[in-house]
């Protein structure tokens, strides 16, 4: 269990370490499928073990696992929840471009500055959602088709840019944007967010793969576990409805706030 595995693409992880990361990937997939925020579980777990010896390997390999689970969740939602595919795919395209831009400018601002901005935004999102218990309980789009498309494109570009910088909370921000501004129900918002999240992960991998930063053996094994968790989470969300998703959303937002607050407090 504690002997290093000499398998290609596993960076000499022990069997115990691999099992730990597989469990984290399953749980992250389930949480991410319901409301986003799976990175709160999977990426910190990888950073604890630091496969490859540098953080960049964890960031890149995390994307391989995440994109597989997100795609599986999107497929499960599509079979169970009505979705406007034209709008979702349009939002996904600009999110991919935003993610590319964010990745290209990842070093332009100090991470501490970005973390403060996101921490404040997450607190505001959590308070706003908590004070409006009826928000997202039903599907009531607020705009005509053209105006709604514009709002979706704006959200896709800005949140995709943040994901490209490797910021936390991307899935949760997507869900909040779709619920609070567009008027989607929480379940429909989660389904649409999965499609957009696939695109933002692709944008990041366009940079990571040519750079040789992906640990493919570990990434593919974790991807299988993430897919299993994602399908389970998507099924649970569609069965339990928007009220359950709202409660999960507030729980994940609280976890993100505590995680970022701790990082800022200790100077990580």
C-alpha atoms as a PDB file:
ATOM      1  CA  UNK A   1       0.000   0.000   0.000  1.00  0.00           C
ATOM      2  CA  UNK A   2       2.862   2.390   0.786  1.00  0.00           C
ATOM      3  CA  UNK A   3       5.232   1.234  -1.950  1.00  0.00           C
ATOM      4  CA  UNK A   4       5.528   3.563  -4.935  1.00  0.00           C
ATOM      5  CA  UNK A   5       3.751   2.322  -8.051  1.00  0.00           C
ATOM      6  CA  UNK A   6       6.093   2.126 -11.004  1.00  0.00           C
ATOM      7  CA  UNK A   7       3.316   2.547 -13.547  1.00  0.00           C
ATOM      8  CA  UNK A   8       3.749   5.060 -16.378  1.00  0.00           C
ATOM      9  CA  UNK A   9       1.816   8.286 -15.859  1.00  0.00           C
ATOM     10  CA  UNK A  10       1.308   7.854 -12.102  1.00  0.00           C
ATOM     11  CA  UNK A  11       4.342   9.835 -10.860  1.00  0.00           C
ATOM     12  CA  UNK A  12       5.347   7.122  -8.359  1.00  0.00           C
ATOM     13  CA  UNK A  13       2.178   7.392  -6.267  1.00  0.00           C
ATOM     14  CA  UNK A  14       1.606   4.699  -3.664  1.00  0.00           C
ATOM     15  CA  UNK A  15      -1.442   2.456  -3.882  1.00  0.00           C
ATOM     16  CA  UNK A  16      -2.844   4.176  -0.774  1.00  0.00           C
ATOM     17  CA  UNK A  17      -2.374   7.562  -2.434  1.00  0.00           C
ATOM     18  CA  UNK A  18      -4.090   6.368  -5.606  1.00  0.00           C
ATOM     19  CA  UNK A  19      -7.089   5.029  -3.661  1.00  0.00           C
ATOM     20  CA  UNK A  20      -7.332   8.325  -1.768  1.00  0.00           C
ATOM     21  CA  UNK A  21      -7.384  10.308  -5.023  1.00  0.00           C
ATOM     22  CA  UNK A  22      -9.950   7.956  -6.560  1.00  0.00           C
ATOM     23  CA  UNK A  23     -12.279   8.479  -3.586  1.00  0.00           C
ATOM     24  CA  UNK A  24     -11.783  12.249  -3.846  1.00  0.00           C
ATOM     25  CA  UNK A  25     -12.538  12.117  -7.588  1.00  0.00           C
ATOM     26  CA  UNK A  26     -15.803  10.209  -7.013  1.00  0.00           C
ATOM     27  CA  UNK A  27     -17.003  12.621  -4.331  1.00  0.00           C
ATOM     28  CA  UNK A  28     -15.920  15.656  -6.379  1.00  0.00           C
ATOM     29  CA  UNK A  29     -17.802  14.332  -9.410  1.00  0.00           C
ATOM     30  CA  UNK A  30     -20.999  13.917  -7.402  1.00  0.00           C
ATOM     31  CA  UNK A  31     -20.837  17.401  -5.861  1.00  0.00           C
ATOM     32  CA  UNK A  32     -19.837  19.054  -9.130  1.00  0.00           C
ATOM     33  CA  UNK A  33     -22.690  17.403 -11.027  1.00  0.00           C
ATOM     34  CA  UNK A  34     -25.262  18.706  -8.567  1.00  0.00           C
ATOM     35  CA  UNK A  35     -24.179  22.312  -8.262  1.00  0.00           C
ATOM     36  CA  UNK A  36     -20.496  22.820  -9.166  1.00  0.00           C
ATOM     37  CA  UNK A  37     -17.610  23.208  -6.760  1.00  0.00           C
ATOM     38  CA  UNK A  38     -16.084  19.743  -7.167  1.00  0.00           C
ATOM     39  CA  UNK A  39     -12.690  21.382  -7.454  1.00  0.00           C
ATOM     40  CA  UNK A  40     -13.033  22.210  -3.765  1.00  0.00           C
ATOM     41  CA  UNK A  41     -12.529  18.478  -3.127  1.00  0.00           C
ATOM     42  CA  UNK A  42     -10.470  16.996  -5.954  1.00  0.00           C
ATOM     43  CA  UNK A  43      -7.770  19.619  -6.522  1.00  0.00           C
ATOM     44  CA  UNK A  44      -6.856  20.088  -2.819  1.00  0.00           C
ATOM     45  CA  UNK A  45      -6.626  16.297  -2.510  1.00  0.00           C
ATOM     46  CA  UNK A  46      -4.127  16.222  -5.377  1.00  0.00           C
ATOM     47  CA  UNK A  47      -2.180  19.147  -3.966  1.00  0.00           C
ATOM     48  CA  UNK A  48      -1.779  17.231  -0.687  1.00  0.00           C
ATOM     49  CA  UNK A  49       0.115  14.452  -2.484  1.00  0.00           C
ATOM     50  CA  UNK A  50       1.623  16.663  -5.242  1.00  0.00           C
ATOM     51  CA  UNK A  51       2.065  13.944  -7.931  1.00  0.00           C
ATOM     52  CA  UNK A  52       4.804  14.979 -10.337  1.00  0.00           C
ATOM     53  CA  UNK A  53       6.416  17.200  -7.719  1.00  0.00           C
ATOM     54  CA  UNK A  54       4.920  20.498  -8.960  1.00  0.00           C
ATOM     55  CA  UNK A  55       1.467  22.053  -8.609  1.00  0.00           C
ATOM     56  CA  UNK A  56       1.107  22.450 -12.379  1.00  0.00           C
ATOM     57  CA  UNK A  57       0.840  18.658 -12.784  1.00  0.00           C
ATOM     58  CA  UNK A  58      -2.060  18.564 -10.318  1.00  0.00           C
ATOM     59  CA  UNK A  59      -3.831  21.440 -12.109  1.00  0.00           C
ATOM     60  CA  UNK A  60      -3.446  19.798 -15.525  1.00  0.00           C
ATOM     61  CA  UNK A  61      -4.350  16.254 -14.436  1.00  0.00           C
ATOM     62  CA  UNK A  62      -7.327  17.593 -12.487  1.00  0.00           C
ATOM     63  CA  UNK A  63      -8.733  18.978 -15.756  1.00  0.00           C
ATOM     64  CA  UNK A  64      -8.573  15.550 -17.440  1.00  0.00           C
ATOM     65  CA  UNK A  65     -10.554  13.973 -14.624  1.00  0.00           C
ATOM     66  CA  UNK A  66     -12.986  16.880 -14.380  1.00  0.00           C
ATOM     67  CA  UNK A  67     -13.803  17.083 -18.080  1.00  0.00           C
ATOM     68  CA  UNK A  68     -14.750  13.401 -18.183  1.00  0.00           C
ATOM     69  CA  UNK A  69     -17.065  13.711 -15.191  1.00  0.00           C
ATOM     70  CA  UNK A  70     -18.582  16.980 -16.384  1.00  0.00           C
ATOM     71  CA  UNK A  71     -19.316  15.521 -19.820  1.00  0.00           C
ATOM     72  CA  UNK A  72     -20.973  12.474 -18.235  1.00  0.00           C
ATOM     73  CA  UNK A  73     -23.087  14.700 -15.992  1.00  0.00           C
ATOM     74  CA  UNK A  74     -24.100  16.847 -18.984  1.00  0.00           C
ATOM     75  CA  UNK A  75     -25.230  13.731 -20.852  1.00  0.00           C
ATOM     76  CA  UNK A  76     -27.235  12.485 -17.849  1.00  0.00           C
ATOM     77  CA  UNK A  77     -28.914  15.874 -17.395  1.00  0.00           C
ATOM     78  CA  UNK A  78     -29.697  16.078 -21.126  1.00  0.00           C
ATOM     79  CA  UNK A  79     -31.626  12.807 -20.897  1.00  0.00           C
ATOM     80  CA  UNK A  80     -33.600  13.892 -17.833  1.00  0.00           C
ATOM     81  CA  UNK A  81     -33.967  17.693 -18.014  1.00  0.00           C
ATOM     82  CA  UNK A  82     -35.246  19.912 -20.871  1.00  0.00           C
ATOM     83  CA  UNK A  83     -32.448  22.209 -22.039  1.00  0.00           C
ATOM     84  CA  UNK A  84     -32.058  24.949 -24.660  1.00  0.00           C
ATOM     85  CA  UNK A  85     -29.102  23.460 -26.510  1.00  0.00           C
ATOM     86  CA  UNK A  86     -28.612  26.417 -28.843  1.00  0.00           C
ATOM     87  CA  UNK A  87     -28.184  28.807 -25.922  1.00  0.00           C
ATOM     88  CA  UNK A  88     -26.080  26.354 -23.916  1.00  0.00           C
ATOM     89  CA  UNK A  89     -23.671  25.702 -26.794  1.00  0.00           C
ATOM     90  CA  UNK A  90     -23.398  29.416 -27.622  1.00  0.00           C
ATOM     91  CA  UNK A  91     -22.493  30.123 -24.012  1.00  0.00           C
ATOM     92  CA  UNK A  92     -20.024  27.232 -24.085  1.00  0.00           C
ATOM     93  CA  UNK A  93     -18.175  28.602 -27.129  1.00  0.00           C
ATOM     94  CA  UNK A  94     -17.549  32.032 -25.595  1.00  0.00           C
ATOM     95  CA  UNK A  95     -16.658  30.365 -22.283  1.00  0.00           C
ATOM     96  CA  UNK A  96     -13.984  28.327 -24.071  1.00  0.00           C
ATOM     97  CA  UNK A  97     -12.549  31.493 -25.607  1.00  0.00           C
ATOM     98  CA  UNK A  98     -12.684  33.226 -22.225  1.00  0.00           C
ATOM     99  CA  UNK A  99     -10.878  30.275 -20.643  1.00  0.00           C
ATOM    100  CA  UNK A 100      -8.137  30.505 -23.262  1.00  0.00           C
ATOM    101  CA  UNK A 101      -7.728  34.205 -22.523  1.00  0.00           C
ATOM    102  CA  UNK A 102      -7.653  33.598 -18.790  1.00  0.00           C
ATOM    103  CA  UNK A 103      -5.006  30.892 -19.131  1.00  0.00           C
ATOM    104  CA  UNK A 104      -2.877  33.180 -21.291  1.00  0.00           C
ATOM    105  CA  UNK A 105      -3.065  35.943 -18.668  1.00  0.00           C
ATOM    106  CA  UNK A 106      -2.834  33.681 -15.617  1.00  0.00           C
ATOM    107  CA  UNK A 107       0.352  35.347 -14.379  1.00  0.00           C
ATOM    108  CA  UNK A 108      -0.783  38.922 -14.925  1.00  0.00           C
ATOM    109  CA  UNK A 109      -2.279  39.391 -11.448  1.00  0.00           C
ATOM    110  CA  UNK A 110      -1.081  38.069  -8.073  1.00  0.00           C
ATOM    111  CA  UNK A 111      -3.183  35.063  -6.944  1.00  0.00           C
ATOM    112  CA  UNK A 112      -3.830  36.764  -3.593  1.00  0.00           C
ATOM    113  CA  UNK A 113      -5.582  39.673  -5.325  1.00  0.00           C
ATOM    114  CA  UNK A 114      -7.761  37.341  -7.361  1.00  0.00           C
ATOM    115  CA  UNK A 115      -8.624  35.267  -4.300  1.00  0.00           C
ATOM    116  CA  UNK A 116      -9.810  38.365  -2.415  1.00  0.00           C
ATOM    117  CA  UNK A 117     -12.060  39.351  -5.320  1.00  0.00           C
ATOM    118  CA  UNK A 118     -13.564  35.867  -5.553  1.00  0.00           C
ATOM    119  CA  UNK A 119     -13.990  35.578  -1.776  1.00  0.00           C
ATOM    120  CA  UNK A 120     -16.035  38.782  -1.692  1.00  0.00           C
ATOM    121  CA  UNK A 121     -18.077  37.634  -4.697  1.00  0.00           C
ATOM    122  CA  UNK A 122     -18.800  34.235  -3.113  1.00  0.00           C
ATOM    123  CA  UNK A 123     -19.963  35.828   0.133  1.00  0.00           C
ATOM    124  CA  UNK A 124     -22.282  38.136  -1.812  1.00  0.00           C
ATOM    125  CA  UNK A 125     -23.633  35.216  -3.859  1.00  0.00           C
ATOM    126  CA  UNK A 126     -24.259  33.135  -0.735  1.00  0.00           C
ATOM    127  CA  UNK A 127     -26.077  35.926   1.130  1.00  0.00           C
ATOM    128  CA  UNK A 128     -28.173  36.833  -1.921  1.00  0.00           C
ATOM    129  CA  UNK A 129     -29.254  33.212  -2.478  1.00  0.00           C
ATOM    130  CA  UNK A 130     -29.959  32.620   1.215  1.00  0.00           C
ATOM    131  CA  UNK A 131     -32.187  35.726   1.457  1.00  0.00           C
ATOM    132  CA  UNK A 132     -34.244  34.693  -1.589  1.00  0.00           C
ATOM    133  CA  UNK A 133     -35.569  31.217  -0.753  1.00  0.00           C
ATOM    134  CA  UNK A 134     -37.869  31.156  -3.798  1.00  0.00           C
ATOM    135  CA  UNK A 135     -35.096  31.908  -6.275  1.00  0.00           C
ATOM    136  CA  UNK A 136     -34.542  29.077  -8.731  1.00  0.00           C
ATOM    137  CA  UNK A 137     -37.512  27.025  -7.544  1.00  0.00           C
ATOM    138  CA  UNK A 138     -39.174  27.294 -10.971  1.00  0.00           C
ATOM    139  CA  UNK A 139     -38.036  27.928 -14.541  1.00  0.00           C
ATOM    140  CA  UNK A 140     -39.026  31.519 -15.369  1.00  0.00           C
ATOM    141  CA  UNK A 141     -36.717  33.091 -17.999  1.00  0.00           C
ATOM    142  CA  UNK A 142     -36.669  36.884 -17.639  1.00  0.00           C
ATOM    143  CA  UNK A 143     -35.649  37.913 -21.161  1.00  0.00           C
ATOM    144  CA  UNK A 144     -36.629  37.446 -24.762  1.00  0.00           C
ATOM    145  CA  UNK A 145     -34.478  35.142 -26.852  1.00  0.00           C
ATOM    146  CA  UNK A 146     -31.983  37.763 -28.089  1.00  0.00           C
ATOM    147  CA  UNK A 147     -31.548  39.477 -24.726  1.00  0.00           C
ATOM    148  CA  UNK A 148     -31.201  36.122 -22.968  1.00  0.00           C
ATOM    149  CA  UNK A 149     -28.524  35.040 -25.447  1.00  0.00           C
ATOM    150  CA  UNK A 150     -26.600  38.248 -24.778  1.00  0.00           C
ATOM    151  CA  UNK A 151     -26.700  37.674 -21.009  1.00  0.00           C
ATOM    152  CA  UNK A 152     -25.587  34.056 -21.486  1.00  0.00           C
ATOM    153  CA  UNK A 153     -22.681  35.087 -23.707  1.00  0.00           C
ATOM    154  CA  UNK A 154     -21.551  37.730 -21.224  1.00  0.00           C
ATOM    155  CA  UNK A 155     -21.639  35.213 -18.371  1.00  0.00           C
ATOM    156  CA  UNK A 156     -19.865  32.553 -20.418  1.00  0.00           C
ATOM    157  CA  UNK A 157     -17.027  34.883 -21.406  1.00  0.00           C
ATOM    158  CA  UNK A 158     -16.413  36.331 -17.935  1.00  0.00           C
ATOM    159  CA  UNK A 159     -16.743  33.084 -15.953  1.00  0.00           C
ATOM    160  CA  UNK A 160     -14.772  31.170 -18.592  1.00  0.00           C
ATOM    161  CA  UNK A 161     -11.992  33.743 -18.214  1.00  0.00           C
ATOM    162  CA  UNK A 162     -11.945  33.132 -14.470  1.00  0.00           C
ATOM    163  CA  UNK A 163     -11.768  29.366 -14.972  1.00  0.00           C
ATOM    164  CA  UNK A 164      -8.806  29.816 -17.314  1.00  0.00           C
ATOM    165  CA  UNK A 165      -6.940  31.550 -14.500  1.00  0.00           C
ATOM    166  CA  UNK A 166      -7.616  28.346 -12.493  1.00  0.00           C
ATOM    167  CA  UNK A 167      -9.907  30.143 -10.056  1.00  0.00           C
ATOM    168  CA  UNK A 168     -12.226  28.251  -7.703  1.00  0.00           C
ATOM    169  CA  UNK A 169     -16.010  28.274  -7.845  1.00  0.00           C
ATOM    170  CA  UNK A 170     -16.481  28.287 -11.636  1.00  0.00           C
ATOM    171  CA  UNK A 171     -19.391  25.841 -11.619  1.00  0.00           C
ATOM    172  CA  UNK A 172     -21.091  27.639  -8.731  1.00  0.00           C
ATOM    173  CA  UNK A 173     -20.726  31.023 -10.429  1.00  0.00           C
ATOM    174  CA  UNK A 174     -22.264  29.590 -13.609  1.00  0.00           C
ATOM    175  CA  UNK A 175     -25.246  28.213 -11.699  1.00  0.00           C
ATOM    176  CA  UNK A 176     -25.764  31.504  -9.848  1.00  0.00           C
ATOM    177  CA  UNK A 177     -25.572  33.525 -13.087  1.00  0.00           C
ATOM    178  CA  UNK A 178     -28.174  31.322 -14.769  1.00  0.00           C
ATOM    179  CA  UNK A 179     -30.528  31.319 -11.770  1.00  0.00           C
ATOM    180  CA  UNK A 180     -30.308  34.920 -10.574  1.00  0.00           C
ATOM    181  CA  UNK A 181     -29.939  36.792 -13.870  1.00  0.00           C
ATOM    182  CA  UNK A 182     -31.446  34.550 -16.525  1.00  0.00           C
ATOM    183  CA  UNK A 183     -34.242  33.081 -14.376  1.00  0.00           C
ATOM    184  CA  UNK A 184     -33.503  29.371 -14.771  1.00  0.00           C
ATOM    185  CA  UNK A 185     -34.547  26.826 -12.166  1.00  0.00           C
ATOM    186  CA  UNK A 186     -31.636  25.361 -10.217  1.00  0.00           C
ATOM    187  CA  UNK A 187     -31.834  21.974 -11.959  1.00  0.00           C
ATOM    188  CA  UNK A 188     -31.924  23.535 -15.454  1.00  0.00           C
ATOM    189  CA  UNK A 189     -29.074  25.871 -14.470  1.00  0.00           C
ATOM    190  CA  UNK A 190     -26.965  22.930 -13.270  1.00  0.00           C
ATOM    191  CA  UNK A 191     -27.585  21.088 -16.541  1.00  0.00           C
ATOM    192  CA  UNK A 192     -26.575  24.105 -18.648  1.00  0.00           C
ATOM    193  CA  UNK A 193     -23.544  24.801 -16.441  1.00  0.00           C
ATOM    194  CA  UNK A 194     -22.215  21.295 -17.121  1.00  0.00           C
ATOM    195  CA  UNK A 195     -22.160  21.921 -20.885  1.00  0.00           C
ATOM    196  CA  UNK A 196     -20.353  25.234 -20.380  1.00  0.00           C
ATOM    197  CA  UNK A 197     -17.902  23.683 -17.910  1.00  0.00           C
ATOM    198  CA  UNK A 198     -16.883  21.072 -20.479  1.00  0.00           C
ATOM    199  CA  UNK A 199     -15.852  23.921 -22.780  1.00  0.00           C
ATOM    200  CA  UNK A 200     -13.838  25.769 -20.122  1.00  0.00           C
ATOM    201  CA  UNK A 201     -11.961  22.559 -19.269  1.00  0.00           C
ATOM    202  CA  UNK A 202     -11.159  22.034 -22.956  1.00  0.00           C
ATOM    203  CA  UNK A 203      -9.787  25.567 -23.108  1.00  0.00           C
ATOM    204  CA  UNK A 204      -7.406  24.863 -20.218  1.00  0.00           C
ATOM    205  CA  UNK A 205      -6.272  21.520 -21.661  1.00  0.00           C
ATOM    206  CA  UNK A 206      -5.362  23.197 -24.959  1.00  0.00           C
ATOM    207  CA  UNK A 207      -2.535  24.773 -22.942  1.00  0.00           C
ATOM    208  CA  UNK A 208      -1.667  21.906 -20.603  1.00  0.00           C
ATOM    209  CA  UNK A 209      -1.444  18.974 -23.053  1.00  0.00           C
ATOM    210  CA  UNK A 210       1.195  20.403 -25.437  1.00  0.00           C
ATOM    211  CA  UNK A 211       3.208  21.468 -22.393  1.00  0.00           C
ATOM    212  CA  UNK A 212       3.382  17.823 -21.243  1.00  0.00           C
ATOM    213  CA  UNK A 213       1.907  18.568 -17.813  1.00  0.00           C
ATOM    214  CA  UNK A 214      -0.789  15.868 -17.777  1.00  0.00           C
ATOM    215  CA  UNK A 215      -0.148  12.630 -15.860  1.00  0.00           C
ATOM    216  CA  UNK A 216      -2.244  10.499 -18.176  1.00  0.00           C
ATOM    217  CA  UNK A 217      -2.293   7.260 -16.182  1.00  0.00           C
ATOM    218  CA  UNK A 218      -3.482   8.961 -13.005  1.00  0.00           C
ATOM    219  CA  UNK A 219      -5.794  11.297 -14.901  1.00  0.00           C
ATOM    220  CA  UNK A 220      -7.609   8.493 -16.714  1.00  0.00           C
ATOM    221  CA  UNK A 221      -8.091   6.383 -13.576  1.00  0.00           C
ATOM    222  CA  UNK A 222      -9.432   9.405 -11.686  1.00  0.00           C
ATOM    223  CA  UNK A 223     -11.626  10.225 -14.692  1.00  0.00           C
ATOM    224  CA  UNK A 224     -13.406   6.868 -14.363  1.00  0.00           C
ATOM    225  CA  UNK A 225     -14.120   7.580 -10.684  1.00  0.00           C
ATOM    226  CA  UNK A 226     -15.201  11.153 -11.439  1.00  0.00           C
ATOM    227  CA  UNK A 227     -17.607   9.929 -14.131  1.00  0.00           C
ATOM    228  CA  UNK A 228     -19.174   7.461 -11.693  1.00  0.00           C
ATOM    229  CA  UNK A 229     -19.652  10.234  -9.130  1.00  0.00           C
ATOM    230  CA  UNK A 230     -20.960  12.684 -11.737  1.00  0.00           C
ATOM    231  CA  UNK A 231     -23.625  10.326 -13.051  1.00  0.00           C
ATOM    232  CA  UNK A 232     -24.725   9.538  -9.477  1.00  0.00           C
ATOM    233  CA  UNK A 233     -24.903  13.255  -8.599  1.00  0.00           C
ATOM    234  CA  UNK A 234     -26.835  14.195 -11.747  1.00  0.00           C
ATOM    235  CA  UNK A 235     -29.392  11.442 -11.171  1.00  0.00           C
ATOM    236  CA  UNK A 236     -29.794  12.527  -7.538  1.00  0.00           C
ATOM    237  CA  UNK A 237     -30.258  16.184  -8.534  1.00  0.00           C
ATOM    238  CA  UNK A 238     -32.924  15.470 -11.146  1.00  0.00           C
ATOM    239  CA  UNK A 239     -34.788  13.185  -8.745  1.00  0.00           C
ATOM    240  CA  UNK A 240     -34.685  15.519  -5.747  1.00  0.00           C
ATOM    241  CA  UNK A 241     -35.405  18.746  -7.632  1.00  0.00           C
ATOM    242  CA  UNK A 242     -34.405  22.410  -7.367  1.00  0.00           C
ATOM    243  CA  UNK A 243     -34.926  22.684  -3.600  1.00  0.00           C
ATOM    244  CA  UNK A 244     -32.284  20.040  -2.965  1.00  0.00           C
ATOM    245  CA  UNK A 245     -29.909  21.656  -5.483  1.00  0.00           C
ATOM    246  CA  UNK A 246     -30.371  25.044  -3.778  1.00  0.00           C
ATOM    247  CA  UNK A 247     -29.385  23.570  -0.398  1.00  0.00           C
ATOM    248  CA  UNK A 248     -26.330  21.942  -1.955  1.00  0.00           C
ATOM    249  CA  UNK A 249     -25.456  25.232  -3.642  1.00  0.00           C
ATOM    250  CA  UNK A 250     -25.424  27.104  -0.332  1.00  0.00           C
ATOM    251  CA  UNK A 251     -23.358  24.317   1.271  1.00  0.00           C
ATOM    252  CA  UNK A 252     -20.735  24.438  -1.501  1.00  0.00           C
ATOM    253  CA  UNK A 253     -20.608  28.258  -1.411  1.00  0.00           C
ATOM    254  CA  UNK A 254     -19.962  28.093   2.343  1.00  0.00           C
ATOM    255  CA  UNK A 255     -17.180  25.565   1.777  1.00  0.00           C
ATOM    256  CA  UNK A 256     -15.577  27.726  -0.910  1.00  0.00           C
ATOM    257  CA  UNK A 257     -15.702  30.802   1.339  1.00  0.00           C
ATOM    258  CA  UNK A 258     -14.069  28.924   4.220  1.00  0.00           C
ATOM    259  CA  UNK A 259     -11.419  27.426   1.933  1.00  0.00           C
ATOM    260  CA  UNK A 260     -10.464  30.735   0.334  1.00  0.00           C
ATOM    261  CA  UNK A 261     -10.632  32.569   3.657  1.00  0.00           C
ATOM    262  CA  UNK A 262      -8.226  30.054   5.180  1.00  0.00           C
ATOM    263  CA  UNK A 263      -5.799  30.360   2.256  1.00  0.00           C
ATOM    264  CA  UNK A 264      -5.764  34.143   2.597  1.00  0.00           C
ATOM    265  CA  UNK A 265      -5.375  33.968   6.376  1.00  0.00           C
ATOM    266  CA  UNK A 266      -2.345  31.674   6.251  1.00  0.00           C
ATOM    267  CA  UNK A 267      -0.878  33.338   3.155  1.00  0.00           C
ATOM    268  CA  UNK A 268      -1.096  30.213   0.971  1.00  0.00           C
END
